Amino acid sequence: MLLCFQIIDLSTNKFSGTVPPVFGGMNALFILNLEVNQFQASDAKDLSFIDSLVNCSTLSILSIADNDLGGVLPLSLANFSKELSVLAMDYNHFSGIIPHGIENLISLYVMDFIGNDLTGQIPKHIGNLSMLQRLGFANNKLTGYIPSSIGNLTQLEDFYMYGNSEEKIECLVSVVALGLACSVDSPNERLGMTDVAAQMHAVRDKFVEFGVHGVKN
């Protein structure tokens, strides 16, 4: 009977312990919502439920946000169903890098990793996710530059990168956010040139403060 479930919503409870890998056997699963609980994980074995979800070919929404899940972020995320539209893993303790190949999940319109311990760089081809409306990497330990392909995310409305390891990233995020604010469809909602100039001056001053290599003078 469980194998026929399409929607499982256990959110906003006080469930604890590890998440069982049983969900991976539910071939018809469309939504799995485990957010706002006290589920725990610390190693690959505890995170095997994520690996098992690769078998769910119809999975569209996965939220495990606001739990106590740690350990290295499984590379199997990149092999999830291409039907996946929401991937919410924010406010946990995941470490490791953002899996290469995650940009192949071309139906995503929400990708949220805010508030983890991820390191490394944003994948170079993140711009392949042309349907993204929300992208959250804030409050991690990411370094490096924002890839130029992010300019392909024409549907992007919310982009969160604050609180990472380098001030340069936050400056570049400010430029991207400013560009988005200048390109909204409604002319009445676009920033005026006075505001644009003021914000660009603020970004310039921050770059000067930290020097061209992102190191304070």
N, C-alpha and C. Protein backbone atom coordinates (compact mmCIF):
# COMPACT_ATOMS: atom_id res chain seq x y z
N MET A 1 0.82 -1.21 0.00
CA MET A 1 0.00 0.00 0.00
C MET A 1 0.86 1.26 0.00
N LEU A 2 1.93 1.25 0.83
CA LEU A 2 2.80 2.41 0.90
C LEU A 2 3.41 2.75 -0.45
N LEU A 3 3.65 1.74 -1.27
CA LEU A 3 4.31 1.97 -2.55
C LEU A 3 3.47 2.83 -3.47
N CYS A 4 2.19 2.97 -3.21
CA CYS A 4 1.29 3.73 -4.08
C CYS A 4 1.17 5.20 -3.67
N PHE A 5 1.78 5.57 -2.54
CA PHE A 5 1.64 6.95 -2.07
C PHE A 5 2.25 7.92 -3.07
N GLN A 6 1.54 9.02 -3.31
CA GLN A 6 2.05 10.08 -4.17
C GLN A 6 2.51 11.29 -3.38
N ILE A 7 1.87 11.55 -2.25
CA ILE A 7 2.21 12.71 -1.41
C ILE A 7 2.44 12.24 0.02
N ILE A 8 3.59 12.59 0.56
CA ILE A 8 3.89 12.33 1.97
C ILE A 8 4.32 13.65 2.60
N ASP A 9 3.53 14.12 3.54
CA ASP A 9 3.81 15.39 4.22
C ASP A 9 3.86 15.15 5.73
N LEU A 10 5.06 15.12 6.27
CA LEU A 10 5.27 14.93 7.71
C LEU A 10 5.84 16.20 8.34
N SER A 11 5.65 17.32 7.68
CA SER A 11 6.29 18.56 8.11
C SER A 11 5.74 19.09 9.42
N THR A 12 6.59 19.91 10.07
CA THR A 12 6.21 20.64 11.29
C THR A 12 5.70 19.71 12.38
N ASN A 13 6.55 18.76 12.72
CA ASN A 13 6.30 17.86 13.84
C ASN A 13 7.56 17.82 14.69
N LYS A 14 7.71 16.76 15.46
CA LYS A 14 8.91 16.60 16.28
C LYS A 14 9.52 15.22 16.06
N PHE A 15 9.42 14.75 14.80
CA PHE A 15 10.03 13.48 14.47
C PHE A 15 11.55 13.58 14.61
N SER A 16 12.16 12.54 15.13
CA SER A 16 13.61 12.53 15.33
C SER A 16 14.18 11.22 14.81
N GLY A 17 15.48 11.01 15.05
CA GLY A 17 16.14 9.82 14.53
C GLY A 17 16.52 10.00 13.07
N THR A 18 16.91 8.93 12.42
CA THR A 18 17.30 8.99 11.02
C THR A 18 16.08 8.77 10.12
N VAL A 19 16.18 9.29 8.92
CA VAL A 19 15.10 9.11 7.94
C VAL A 19 15.28 7.75 7.27
N PRO A 20 14.27 6.90 7.28
CA PRO A 20 14.41 5.56 6.68
C PRO A 20 14.45 5.64 5.16
N PRO A 21 15.17 4.72 4.51
CA PRO A 21 15.27 4.74 3.05
C PRO A 21 14.05 4.17 2.34
N VAL A 22 12.98 3.91 3.08
CA VAL A 22 11.79 3.29 2.50
C VAL A 22 11.16 4.14 1.41
N PHE A 23 11.34 5.47 1.49
CA PHE A 23 10.71 6.35 0.50
C PHE A 23 11.21 6.07 -0.91
N GLY A 24 12.43 5.59 -1.03
CA GLY A 24 12.98 5.30 -2.35
C GLY A 24 12.28 4.18 -3.08
N GLY A 25 11.49 3.38 -2.37
CA GLY A 25 10.74 2.31 -3.01
C GLY A 25 9.36 2.72 -3.46
N MET A 26 9.02 3.99 -3.27
CA MET A 26 7.69 4.49 -3.65
C MET A 26 7.77 5.10 -5.04
N ASN A 27 7.54 4.29 -6.03
CA ASN A 27 7.76 4.70 -7.42
C ASN A 27 6.83 5.81 -7.89
N ALA A 28 5.69 5.98 -7.21
CA ALA A 28 4.73 7.00 -7.62
C ALA A 28 4.87 8.30 -6.82
N LEU A 29 5.89 8.37 -5.95
CA LEU A 29 6.03 9.52 -5.05
C LEU A 29 6.23 10.81 -5.83
N PHE A 30 5.41 11.80 -5.52
CA PHE A 30 5.43 13.09 -6.20
C PHE A 30 5.95 14.19 -5.27
N ILE A 31 5.51 14.17 -4.01
CA ILE A 31 5.92 15.16 -3.02
C ILE A 31 6.39 14.45 -1.76
N LEU A 32 7.57 14.83 -1.27
CA LEU A 32 8.07 14.36 0.02
C LEU A 32 8.47 15.58 0.84
N ASN A 33 7.71 15.84 1.89
CA ASN A 33 7.94 17.02 2.72
C ASN A 33 8.21 16.58 4.16
N LEU A 34 9.47 16.71 4.58
CA LEU A 34 9.89 16.34 5.93
C LEU A 34 10.40 17.56 6.70
N GLU A 35 10.13 18.75 6.21
CA GLU A 35 10.71 19.95 6.81
C GLU A 35 10.18 20.23 8.21
N VAL A 36 11.01 20.98 8.96
CA VAL A 36 10.70 21.42 10.32
C VAL A 36 10.40 20.23 11.23
N ASN A 37 11.40 19.39 11.38
CA ASN A 37 11.37 18.29 12.33
C ASN A 37 12.71 18.24 13.05
N GLN A 38 13.03 17.10 13.61
CA GLN A 38 14.31 16.94 14.32
C GLN A 38 15.05 15.71 13.81
N PHE A 39 14.85 15.41 12.53
CA PHE A 39 15.57 14.29 11.92
C PHE A 39 17.08 14.55 11.98
N GLN A 40 17.84 13.48 12.16
CA GLN A 40 19.28 13.60 12.35
C GLN A 40 20.04 12.75 11.33
N ALA A 41 21.26 13.19 11.05
CA ALA A 41 22.17 12.42 10.20
C ALA A 41 23.58 12.95 10.45
N SER A 42 24.55 12.06 10.36
CA SER A 42 25.94 12.49 10.55
C SER A 42 26.91 11.84 9.58
N ASP A 43 26.46 10.82 8.85
CA ASP A 43 27.36 10.14 7.92
C ASP A 43 26.58 9.62 6.72
N ALA A 44 27.31 8.98 5.80
CA ALA A 44 26.70 8.51 4.55
C ALA A 44 25.58 7.50 4.79
N LYS A 45 25.75 6.65 5.79
CA LYS A 45 24.71 5.66 6.08
C LYS A 45 23.42 6.34 6.49
N ASP A 46 23.53 7.38 7.32
CA ASP A 46 22.34 8.11 7.77
C ASP A 46 21.65 8.82 6.61
N LEU A 47 22.43 9.16 5.58
CA LEU A 47 21.89 9.90 4.44
C LEU A 47 21.51 8.99 3.27
N SER A 48 21.48 7.69 3.51
CA SER A 48 21.17 6.75 2.42
C SER A 48 19.76 6.96 1.88
N PHE A 49 18.89 7.59 2.67
CA PHE A 49 17.54 7.85 2.17
C PHE A 49 17.57 8.79 0.98
N ILE A 50 18.56 9.70 0.95
CA ILE A 50 18.69 10.61 -0.19
C ILE A 50 19.10 9.82 -1.43
N ASP A 51 20.06 8.93 -1.28
CA ASP A 51 20.47 8.08 -2.41
C ASP A 51 19.29 7.28 -2.94
N SER A 52 18.44 6.79 -2.04
CA SER A 52 17.31 5.94 -2.46
C SER A 52 16.30 6.70 -3.29
N LEU A 53 16.23 8.02 -3.13
CA LEU A 53 15.23 8.82 -3.85
C LEU A 53 15.54 8.94 -5.34
N VAL A 54 16.73 8.52 -5.74
CA VAL A 54 17.06 8.49 -7.16
C VAL A 54 16.09 7.58 -7.91
N ASN A 55 15.52 6.61 -7.21
CA ASN A 55 14.59 5.67 -7.83
C ASN A 55 13.19 6.26 -8.05
N CYS A 56 12.93 7.41 -7.48
CA CYS A 56 11.59 8.03 -7.58
C CYS A 56 11.53 8.90 -8.82
N SER A 57 11.16 8.31 -9.92
CA SER A 57 11.23 9.00 -11.22
C SER A 57 10.20 10.10 -11.39
N THR A 58 9.18 10.14 -10.51
CA THR A 58 8.15 11.18 -10.62
C THR A 58 8.29 12.24 -9.53
N LEU A 59 9.33 12.16 -8.71
CA LEU A 59 9.49 13.10 -7.60
C LEU A 59 9.62 14.53 -8.12
N SER A 60 8.75 15.41 -7.64
CA SER A 60 8.74 16.80 -8.09
C SER A 60 9.13 17.78 -6.98
N ILE A 61 8.77 17.47 -5.74
CA ILE A 61 9.06 18.38 -4.62
C ILE A 61 9.70 17.59 -3.49
N LEU A 62 10.88 18.02 -3.08
CA LEU A 62 11.57 17.43 -1.93
C LEU A 62 11.98 18.55 -0.99
N SER A 63 11.46 18.52 0.23
CA SER A 63 11.88 19.47 1.25
C SER A 63 12.26 18.72 2.51
N ILE A 64 13.53 18.88 2.90
CA ILE A 64 14.01 18.35 4.18
C ILE A 64 14.61 19.50 4.99
N ALA A 65 14.14 20.70 4.75
CA ALA A 65 14.65 21.90 5.41
C ALA A 65 14.34 21.88 6.90
N ASP A 66 15.15 22.63 7.64
CA ASP A 66 14.93 22.82 9.08
C ASP A 66 14.89 21.50 9.85
N ASN A 67 15.98 20.77 9.72
CA ASN A 67 16.18 19.56 10.51
C ASN A 67 17.58 19.60 11.11
N ASP A 68 18.09 18.47 11.52
CA ASP A 68 19.42 18.39 12.12
C ASP A 68 20.27 17.41 11.32
N LEU A 69 20.18 17.55 10.00
CA LEU A 69 20.85 16.63 9.08
C LEU A 69 22.25 17.13 8.75
N GLY A 70 23.25 16.29 9.01
CA GLY A 70 24.63 16.64 8.72
C GLY A 70 25.28 15.60 7.82
N GLY A 71 26.60 15.71 7.69
CA GLY A 71 27.32 14.80 6.81
C GLY A 71 27.54 15.43 5.44
N VAL A 72 28.32 14.76 4.63
CA VAL A 72 28.66 15.26 3.30
C VAL A 72 27.45 15.15 2.38
N LEU A 73 27.16 16.23 1.69
CA LEU A 73 26.02 16.26 0.78
C LEU A 73 26.18 15.18 -0.29
N PRO A 74 25.23 14.26 -0.41
CA PRO A 74 25.38 13.14 -1.36
C PRO A 74 25.46 13.61 -2.82
N LEU A 75 26.41 13.05 -3.55
CA LEU A 75 26.54 13.38 -4.97
C LEU A 75 25.37 12.86 -5.78
N SER A 76 24.61 11.93 -5.20
CA SER A 76 23.46 11.35 -5.90
C SER A 76 22.38 12.39 -6.20
N LEU A 77 22.44 13.56 -5.55
CA LEU A 77 21.47 14.61 -5.85
C LEU A 77 21.42 14.92 -7.34
N ALA A 78 22.57 14.85 -7.99
CA ALA A 78 22.65 15.17 -9.41
C ALA A 78 21.92 14.15 -10.28
N ASN A 79 21.56 13.01 -9.69
CA ASN A 79 20.88 11.95 -10.45
C ASN A 79 19.39 11.88 -10.15
N PHE A 80 18.89 12.87 -9.44
CA PHE A 80 17.45 12.90 -9.15
C PHE A 80 16.65 13.04 -10.43
N SER A 81 15.36 12.79 -10.30
CA SER A 81 14.45 12.91 -11.44
C SER A 81 14.53 14.30 -12.07
N LYS A 82 14.53 14.35 -13.38
CA LYS A 82 14.50 15.64 -14.07
C LYS A 82 13.14 16.31 -13.97
N GLU A 83 12.19 15.65 -13.30
CA GLU A 83 10.90 16.26 -13.00
C GLU A 83 10.96 17.10 -11.73
N LEU A 84 12.07 17.03 -10.99
CA LEU A 84 12.18 17.73 -9.71
C LEU A 84 12.11 19.24 -9.93
N SER A 85 11.17 19.89 -9.25
CA SER A 85 11.01 21.33 -9.39
C SER A 85 11.40 22.10 -8.14
N VAL A 86 11.33 21.46 -6.97
CA VAL A 86 11.69 22.11 -5.70
C VAL A 86 12.66 21.21 -4.94
N LEU A 87 13.83 21.77 -4.62
CA LEU A 87 14.82 21.08 -3.80
C LEU A 87 15.18 22.00 -2.64
N ALA A 88 14.62 21.72 -1.47
CA ALA A 88 14.82 22.57 -0.29
C ALA A 88 15.56 21.78 0.79
N MET A 89 16.82 22.14 1.01
CA MET A 89 17.66 21.46 2.00
C MET A 89 18.26 22.46 2.97
N ASP A 90 17.64 23.61 3.08
CA ASP A 90 18.17 24.70 3.88
C ASP A 90 18.06 24.44 5.39
N TYR A 91 18.92 25.15 6.11
CA TYR A 91 18.94 25.10 7.58
C TYR A 91 19.13 23.69 8.12
N ASN A 92 20.24 23.09 7.67
CA ASN A 92 20.73 21.82 8.19
C ASN A 92 22.22 22.00 8.46
N HIS A 93 22.98 20.92 8.38
CA HIS A 93 24.42 20.99 8.64
C HIS A 93 25.21 20.26 7.56
N PHE A 94 24.70 20.27 6.34
CA PHE A 94 25.38 19.57 5.25
C PHE A 94 26.73 20.21 4.95
N SER A 95 27.73 19.36 4.70
CA SER A 95 29.05 19.83 4.31
C SER A 95 29.38 19.29 2.93
N GLY A 96 30.62 19.53 2.48
CA GLY A 96 31.01 19.07 1.15
C GLY A 96 30.70 20.11 0.09
N ILE A 97 30.75 19.69 -1.15
CA ILE A 97 30.55 20.60 -2.28
C ILE A 97 29.15 20.44 -2.87
N ILE A 98 28.76 21.44 -3.65
CA ILE A 98 27.53 21.33 -4.42
C ILE A 98 27.80 20.33 -5.55
N PRO A 99 27.04 19.25 -5.65
CA PRO A 99 27.38 18.19 -6.60
C PRO A 99 27.42 18.68 -8.05
N HIS A 100 28.49 18.33 -8.74
CA HIS A 100 28.56 18.60 -10.17
C HIS A 100 27.50 17.76 -10.88
N GLY A 101 26.81 18.36 -11.81
CA GLY A 101 25.73 17.68 -12.50
C GLY A 101 24.37 18.09 -11.98
N ILE A 102 24.34 18.83 -10.86
CA ILE A 102 23.05 19.26 -10.33
C ILE A 102 22.37 20.22 -11.30
N GLU A 103 23.18 20.82 -12.18
CA GLU A 103 22.62 21.73 -13.18
C GLU A 103 21.84 20.98 -14.26
N ASN A 104 21.84 19.66 -14.21
CA ASN A 104 21.05 18.87 -15.16
C ASN A 104 19.60 18.68 -14.72
N LEU A 105 19.28 19.14 -13.51
CA LEU A 105 17.89 19.04 -13.02
C LEU A 105 17.11 20.23 -13.56
N ILE A 106 16.83 20.17 -14.84
CA ILE A 106 16.41 21.35 -15.59
C ILE A 106 15.00 21.84 -15.27
N SER A 107 14.24 21.11 -14.47
CA SER A 107 12.89 21.56 -14.11
C SER A 107 12.88 22.36 -12.81
N LEU A 108 14.02 22.49 -12.15
CA LEU A 108 14.06 23.18 -10.86
C LEU A 108 13.67 24.64 -10.99
N TYR A 109 12.75 25.07 -10.11
CA TYR A 109 12.53 26.51 -9.97
C TYR A 109 12.84 27.00 -8.57
N VAL A 110 13.10 26.08 -7.65
CA VAL A 110 13.59 26.43 -6.31
C VAL A 110 14.75 25.50 -5.97
N MET A 111 15.90 26.09 -5.64
CA MET A 111 17.04 25.35 -5.11
C MET A 111 17.54 26.11 -3.90
N ASP A 112 17.42 25.50 -2.72
CA ASP A 112 17.72 26.22 -1.49
C ASP A 112 18.63 25.40 -0.58
N PHE A 113 19.84 25.95 -0.37
CA PHE A 113 20.82 25.35 0.54
C PHE A 113 21.24 26.33 1.63
N ILE A 114 20.45 27.35 1.88
CA ILE A 114 20.80 28.37 2.87
C ILE A 114 21.07 27.71 4.23
N GLY A 115 22.09 28.24 4.93
CA GLY A 115 22.32 27.83 6.31
C GLY A 115 22.88 26.43 6.48
N ASN A 116 23.88 26.08 5.66
CA ASN A 116 24.59 24.81 5.82
C ASN A 116 26.08 25.09 5.96
N ASP A 117 26.92 24.11 5.69
CA ASP A 117 28.37 24.27 5.79
C ASP A 117 29.05 23.88 4.49
N LEU A 118 28.40 24.19 3.38
CA LEU A 118 28.93 23.80 2.07
C LEU A 118 30.18 24.60 1.72
N THR A 119 31.13 23.95 1.05
CA THR A 119 32.37 24.59 0.63
C THR A 119 32.50 24.49 -0.89
N GLY A 120 33.62 25.01 -1.41
CA GLY A 120 33.84 24.95 -2.85
C GLY A 120 33.15 26.09 -3.58
N GLN A 121 32.88 25.89 -4.84
CA GLN A 121 32.33 26.93 -5.70
C GLN A 121 30.95 26.56 -6.22
N ILE A 122 30.26 27.57 -6.71
CA ILE A 122 29.00 27.34 -7.40
C ILE A 122 29.31 26.65 -8.73
N PRO A 123 28.59 25.58 -9.09
CA PRO A 123 28.87 24.89 -10.36
C PRO A 123 28.87 25.84 -11.55
N LYS A 124 29.83 25.66 -12.44
CA LYS A 124 30.05 26.57 -13.56
C LYS A 124 28.84 26.67 -14.47
N HIS A 125 28.09 25.57 -14.61
CA HIS A 125 26.97 25.55 -15.56
C HIS A 125 25.62 25.71 -14.86
N ILE A 126 25.59 26.37 -13.72
CA ILE A 126 24.34 26.59 -12.99
C ILE A 126 23.32 27.31 -13.85
N GLY A 127 23.80 28.05 -14.85
CA GLY A 127 22.91 28.78 -15.74
C GLY A 127 22.05 27.90 -16.62
N ASN A 128 22.33 26.58 -16.64
CA ASN A 128 21.48 25.65 -17.39
C ASN A 128 20.09 25.53 -16.77
N LEU A 129 19.97 25.90 -15.50
CA LEU A 129 18.69 25.78 -14.80
C LEU A 129 17.84 27.01 -15.11
N SER A 130 17.40 27.10 -16.34
CA SER A 130 16.77 28.32 -16.85
C SER A 130 15.42 28.63 -16.22
N MET A 131 14.84 27.67 -15.50
CA MET A 131 13.54 27.90 -14.88
C MET A 131 13.65 28.38 -13.43
N LEU A 132 14.86 28.48 -12.91
CA LEU A 132 15.04 28.87 -11.50
C LEU A 132 14.43 30.23 -11.20
N GLN A 133 13.65 30.27 -10.13
CA GLN A 133 13.11 31.52 -9.61
C GLN A 133 13.72 31.88 -8.26
N ARG A 134 14.15 30.88 -7.52
CA ARG A 134 14.78 31.10 -6.21
C ARG A 134 16.04 30.25 -6.11
N LEU A 135 17.15 30.90 -5.77
CA LEU A 135 18.43 30.23 -5.62
C LEU A 135 19.07 30.69 -4.32
N GLY A 136 19.24 29.78 -3.38
CA GLY A 136 19.73 30.16 -2.06
C GLY A 136 20.97 29.39 -1.64
N PHE A 137 22.10 30.12 -1.51
CA PHE A 137 23.34 29.56 -1.01
C PHE A 137 23.89 30.36 0.17
N ALA A 138 23.09 31.23 0.75
CA ALA A 138 23.57 32.11 1.82
C ALA A 138 23.99 31.32 3.05
N ASN A 139 24.88 31.95 3.84
CA ASN A 139 25.34 31.38 5.11
C ASN A 139 25.89 29.96 4.96
N ASN A 140 26.82 29.83 4.01
CA ASN A 140 27.61 28.62 3.86
C ASN A 140 29.08 29.03 3.92
N LYS A 141 29.96 28.26 3.30
CA LYS A 141 31.39 28.57 3.30
C LYS A 141 31.93 28.52 1.87
N LEU A 142 31.11 28.99 0.94
CA LEU A 142 31.48 28.96 -0.47
C LEU A 142 32.53 30.01 -0.77
N THR A 143 33.36 29.74 -1.76
CA THR A 143 34.41 30.66 -2.17
C THR A 143 34.39 30.81 -3.68
N GLY A 144 35.31 31.65 -4.19
CA GLY A 144 35.43 31.80 -5.63
C GLY A 144 34.48 32.82 -6.20
N TYR A 145 34.26 32.72 -7.49
CA TYR A 145 33.46 33.69 -8.23
C TYR A 145 32.10 33.11 -8.62
N ILE A 146 31.16 34.01 -8.80
CA ILE A 146 29.86 33.61 -9.33
C ILE A 146 30.02 33.38 -10.83
N PRO A 147 29.66 32.21 -11.35
CA PRO A 147 29.87 31.92 -12.77
C PRO A 147 29.05 32.84 -13.66
N SER A 148 29.62 33.18 -14.81
CA SER A 148 28.94 34.09 -15.73
C SER A 148 27.63 33.50 -16.24
N SER A 149 27.50 32.17 -16.23
CA SER A 149 26.29 31.53 -16.74
C SER A 149 25.05 31.91 -15.94
N ILE A 150 25.25 32.48 -14.75
CA ILE A 150 24.09 32.85 -13.94
C ILE A 150 23.27 33.94 -14.63
N GLY A 151 23.91 34.61 -15.59
CA GLY A 151 23.18 35.60 -16.38
C GLY A 151 22.10 34.99 -17.25
N ASN A 152 22.13 33.67 -17.42
CA ASN A 152 21.10 32.98 -18.21
C ASN A 152 19.83 32.74 -17.42
N LEU A 153 19.85 32.99 -16.12
CA LEU A 153 18.69 32.71 -15.27
C LEU A 153 17.72 33.88 -15.33
N THR A 154 17.05 34.01 -16.44
CA THR A 154 16.19 35.16 -16.67
C THR A 154 14.91 35.14 -15.84
N GLN A 155 14.57 33.98 -15.26
CA GLN A 155 13.37 33.89 -14.43
C GLN A 155 13.68 34.13 -12.95
N LEU A 156 14.96 34.31 -12.62
CA LEU A 156 15.38 34.40 -11.22
C LEU A 156 14.81 35.64 -10.55
N GLU A 157 14.15 35.42 -9.40
CA GLU A 157 13.58 36.51 -8.62
C GLU A 157 14.29 36.70 -7.28
N ASP A 158 14.73 35.60 -6.67
CA ASP A 158 15.38 35.66 -5.36
C ASP A 158 16.71 34.93 -5.43
N PHE A 159 17.79 35.66 -5.09
CA PHE A 159 19.14 35.12 -5.16
C PHE A 159 19.85 35.47 -3.87
N TYR A 160 20.16 34.45 -3.05
CA TYR A 160 20.72 34.68 -1.72
C TYR A 160 22.12 34.07 -1.64
N MET A 161 23.13 34.94 -1.43
CA MET A 161 24.52 34.48 -1.32
C MET A 161 25.26 35.13 -0.16
N TYR A 162 24.59 35.91 0.66
CA TYR A 162 25.27 36.60 1.77
C TYR A 162 25.81 35.59 2.78
N GLY A 163 26.80 36.03 3.54
CA GLY A 163 27.32 35.20 4.62
C GLY A 163 28.18 34.04 4.18
N ASN A 164 28.89 34.20 3.05
CA ASN A 164 29.84 33.18 2.63
C ASN A 164 31.26 33.64 2.93
N SER A 165 32.25 32.94 2.39
CA SER A 165 33.62 33.11 2.88
C SER A 165 34.33 34.33 2.32
N GLU A 166 33.87 34.89 1.23
CA GLU A 166 34.60 35.99 0.64
C GLU A 166 33.69 37.17 0.38
N GLU A 167 34.17 38.35 0.73
CA GLU A 167 33.41 39.56 0.52
C GLU A 167 33.18 39.82 -0.96
N LYS A 168 34.10 39.33 -1.80
CA LYS A 168 33.93 39.52 -3.25
C LYS A 168 32.62 38.93 -3.72
N ILE A 169 32.26 37.76 -3.19
CA ILE A 169 31.02 37.11 -3.59
C ILE A 169 29.85 38.01 -3.30
N GLU A 170 29.83 38.62 -2.11
CA GLU A 170 28.70 39.44 -1.74
C GLU A 170 28.61 40.68 -2.62
N CYS A 171 29.76 41.23 -3.01
CA CYS A 171 29.74 42.37 -3.92
C CYS A 171 29.16 41.98 -5.28
N LEU A 172 29.57 40.83 -5.79
CA LEU A 172 29.07 40.38 -7.08
C LEU A 172 27.59 40.05 -7.02
N VAL A 173 27.15 39.50 -5.89
CA VAL A 173 25.72 39.24 -5.72
C VAL A 173 24.94 40.54 -5.77
N SER A 174 25.49 41.59 -5.18
CA SER A 174 24.82 42.88 -5.20
C SER A 174 24.65 43.38 -6.62
N VAL A 175 25.66 43.17 -7.46
CA VAL A 175 25.57 43.59 -8.86
C VAL A 175 24.50 42.79 -9.59
N VAL A 176 24.47 41.47 -9.36
CA VAL A 176 23.44 40.63 -9.99
C VAL A 176 22.05 41.05 -9.54
N ALA A 177 21.88 41.27 -8.24
CA ALA A 177 20.58 41.67 -7.71
C ALA A 177 20.15 43.01 -8.30
N LEU A 178 21.11 43.91 -8.47
CA LEU A 178 20.80 45.20 -9.06
C LEU A 178 20.36 45.04 -10.50
N GLY A 179 21.04 44.16 -11.24
CA GLY A 179 20.64 43.90 -12.61
C GLY A 179 19.23 43.35 -12.71
N LEU A 180 18.88 42.45 -11.79
CA LEU A 180 17.52 41.90 -11.77
C LEU A 180 16.50 42.99 -11.48
N ALA A 181 16.84 43.89 -10.55
CA ALA A 181 15.92 44.97 -10.20
C ALA A 181 15.71 45.94 -11.35
N CYS A 182 16.70 46.03 -12.23
CA CYS A 182 16.59 46.94 -13.38
C CYS A 182 15.87 46.32 -14.57
N SER A 183 15.62 45.01 -14.50
CA SER A 183 15.08 44.33 -15.68
C SER A 183 13.71 43.70 -15.44
N VAL A 184 13.03 44.11 -14.36
CA VAL A 184 11.68 43.59 -14.14
C VAL A 184 10.75 44.05 -15.25
N ASP A 185 9.70 43.29 -15.50
CA ASP A 185 8.82 43.57 -16.63
C ASP A 185 8.10 44.91 -16.52
N SER A 186 7.63 45.23 -15.32
CA SER A 186 6.86 46.46 -15.14
C SER A 186 7.78 47.67 -14.97
N PRO A 187 7.69 48.67 -15.85
CA PRO A 187 8.54 49.86 -15.72
C PRO A 187 8.37 50.55 -14.37
N ASN A 188 7.19 50.47 -13.80
CA ASN A 188 6.94 51.14 -12.51
C ASN A 188 7.69 50.48 -11.36
N GLU A 189 8.11 49.24 -11.55
CA GLU A 189 8.81 48.52 -10.48
C GLU A 189 10.33 48.55 -10.65
N ARG A 190 10.81 49.11 -11.76
CA ARG A 190 12.25 49.17 -11.99
C ARG A 190 12.88 50.28 -11.15
N LEU A 191 14.13 50.07 -10.77
CA LEU A 191 14.85 51.10 -10.03
C LEU A 191 15.12 52.30 -10.91
N GLY A 192 15.03 53.49 -10.32
CA GLY A 192 15.39 54.70 -11.03
C GLY A 192 16.90 54.83 -11.11
N MET A 193 17.38 55.65 -12.05
CA MET A 193 18.82 55.77 -12.27
C MET A 193 19.54 56.33 -11.05
N THR A 194 18.87 57.18 -10.28
CA THR A 194 19.49 57.72 -9.06
C THR A 194 19.79 56.60 -8.07
N ASP A 195 18.82 55.70 -7.89
CA ASP A 195 19.01 54.57 -6.98
C ASP A 195 20.06 53.60 -7.52
N VAL A 196 20.05 53.39 -8.84
CA VAL A 196 21.04 52.51 -9.45
C VAL A 196 22.45 53.04 -9.20
N ALA A 197 22.64 54.34 -9.44
CA ALA A 197 23.95 54.95 -9.24
C ALA A 197 24.41 54.84 -7.80
N ALA A 198 23.48 55.08 -6.87
CA ALA A 198 23.82 55.01 -5.44
C ALA A 198 24.27 53.61 -5.05
N GLN A 199 23.55 52.60 -5.54
CA GLN A 199 23.90 51.22 -5.18
C GLN A 199 25.21 50.78 -5.83
N MET A 200 25.46 51.23 -7.07
CA MET A 200 26.71 50.88 -7.72
C MET A 200 27.89 51.53 -7.02
N HIS A 201 27.71 52.76 -6.52
CA HIS A 201 28.78 53.42 -5.76
C HIS A 201 29.07 52.65 -4.48
N ALA A 202 28.02 52.13 -3.84
CA ALA A 202 28.21 51.37 -2.60
C ALA A 202 29.00 50.09 -2.87
N VAL A 203 28.69 49.42 -3.99
CA VAL A 203 29.43 48.22 -4.35
C VAL A 203 30.88 48.56 -4.66
N ARG A 204 31.09 49.64 -5.40
CA ARG A 204 32.46 50.06 -5.72
C ARG A 204 33.26 50.33 -4.46
N ASP A 205 32.65 51.02 -3.52
CA ASP A 205 33.35 51.35 -2.27
C ASP A 205 33.73 50.09 -1.51
N LYS A 206 32.87 49.08 -1.56
CA LYS A 206 33.18 47.83 -0.87
C LYS A 206 34.35 47.12 -1.53
N PHE A 207 34.39 47.14 -2.88
CA PHE A 207 35.53 46.55 -3.58
C PHE A 207 36.82 47.28 -3.22
N VAL A 208 36.77 48.60 -3.18
CA VAL A 208 37.95 49.39 -2.83
C VAL A 208 38.41 49.07 -1.42
N GLU A 209 37.44 48.92 -0.50
CA GLU A 209 37.76 48.63 0.90
C GLU A 209 38.52 47.32 1.03
N PHE A 210 38.15 46.33 0.24
CA PHE A 210 38.77 45.01 0.36
C PHE A 210 39.87 44.78 -0.68
N GLY A 211 40.10 45.77 -1.56
CA GLY A 211 41.15 45.64 -2.55
C GLY A 211 40.75 44.73 -3.68
N VAL A 212 41.52 44.73 -4.76
CA VAL A 212 41.14 43.98 -5.96
C VAL A 212 41.19 42.48 -5.75
N HIS A 213 41.90 42.02 -4.74
CA HIS A 213 41.97 40.59 -4.49
C HIS A 213 41.12 40.16 -3.32
N GLY A 214 40.25 41.05 -2.84
CA GLY A 214 39.35 40.69 -1.76
C GLY A 214 40.03 40.65 -0.41
N VAL A 215 41.19 41.31 -0.27
CA VAL A 215 41.91 41.35 1.00
C VAL A 215 41.98 42.78 1.48
N LYS A 216 41.61 43.00 2.74
CA LYS A 216 41.63 44.36 3.27
C LYS A 216 43.02 44.95 3.20
N ASN A 217 43.08 46.24 2.85
CA ASN A 217 44.36 46.93 2.81
C ASN A 217 44.88 47.17 4.23
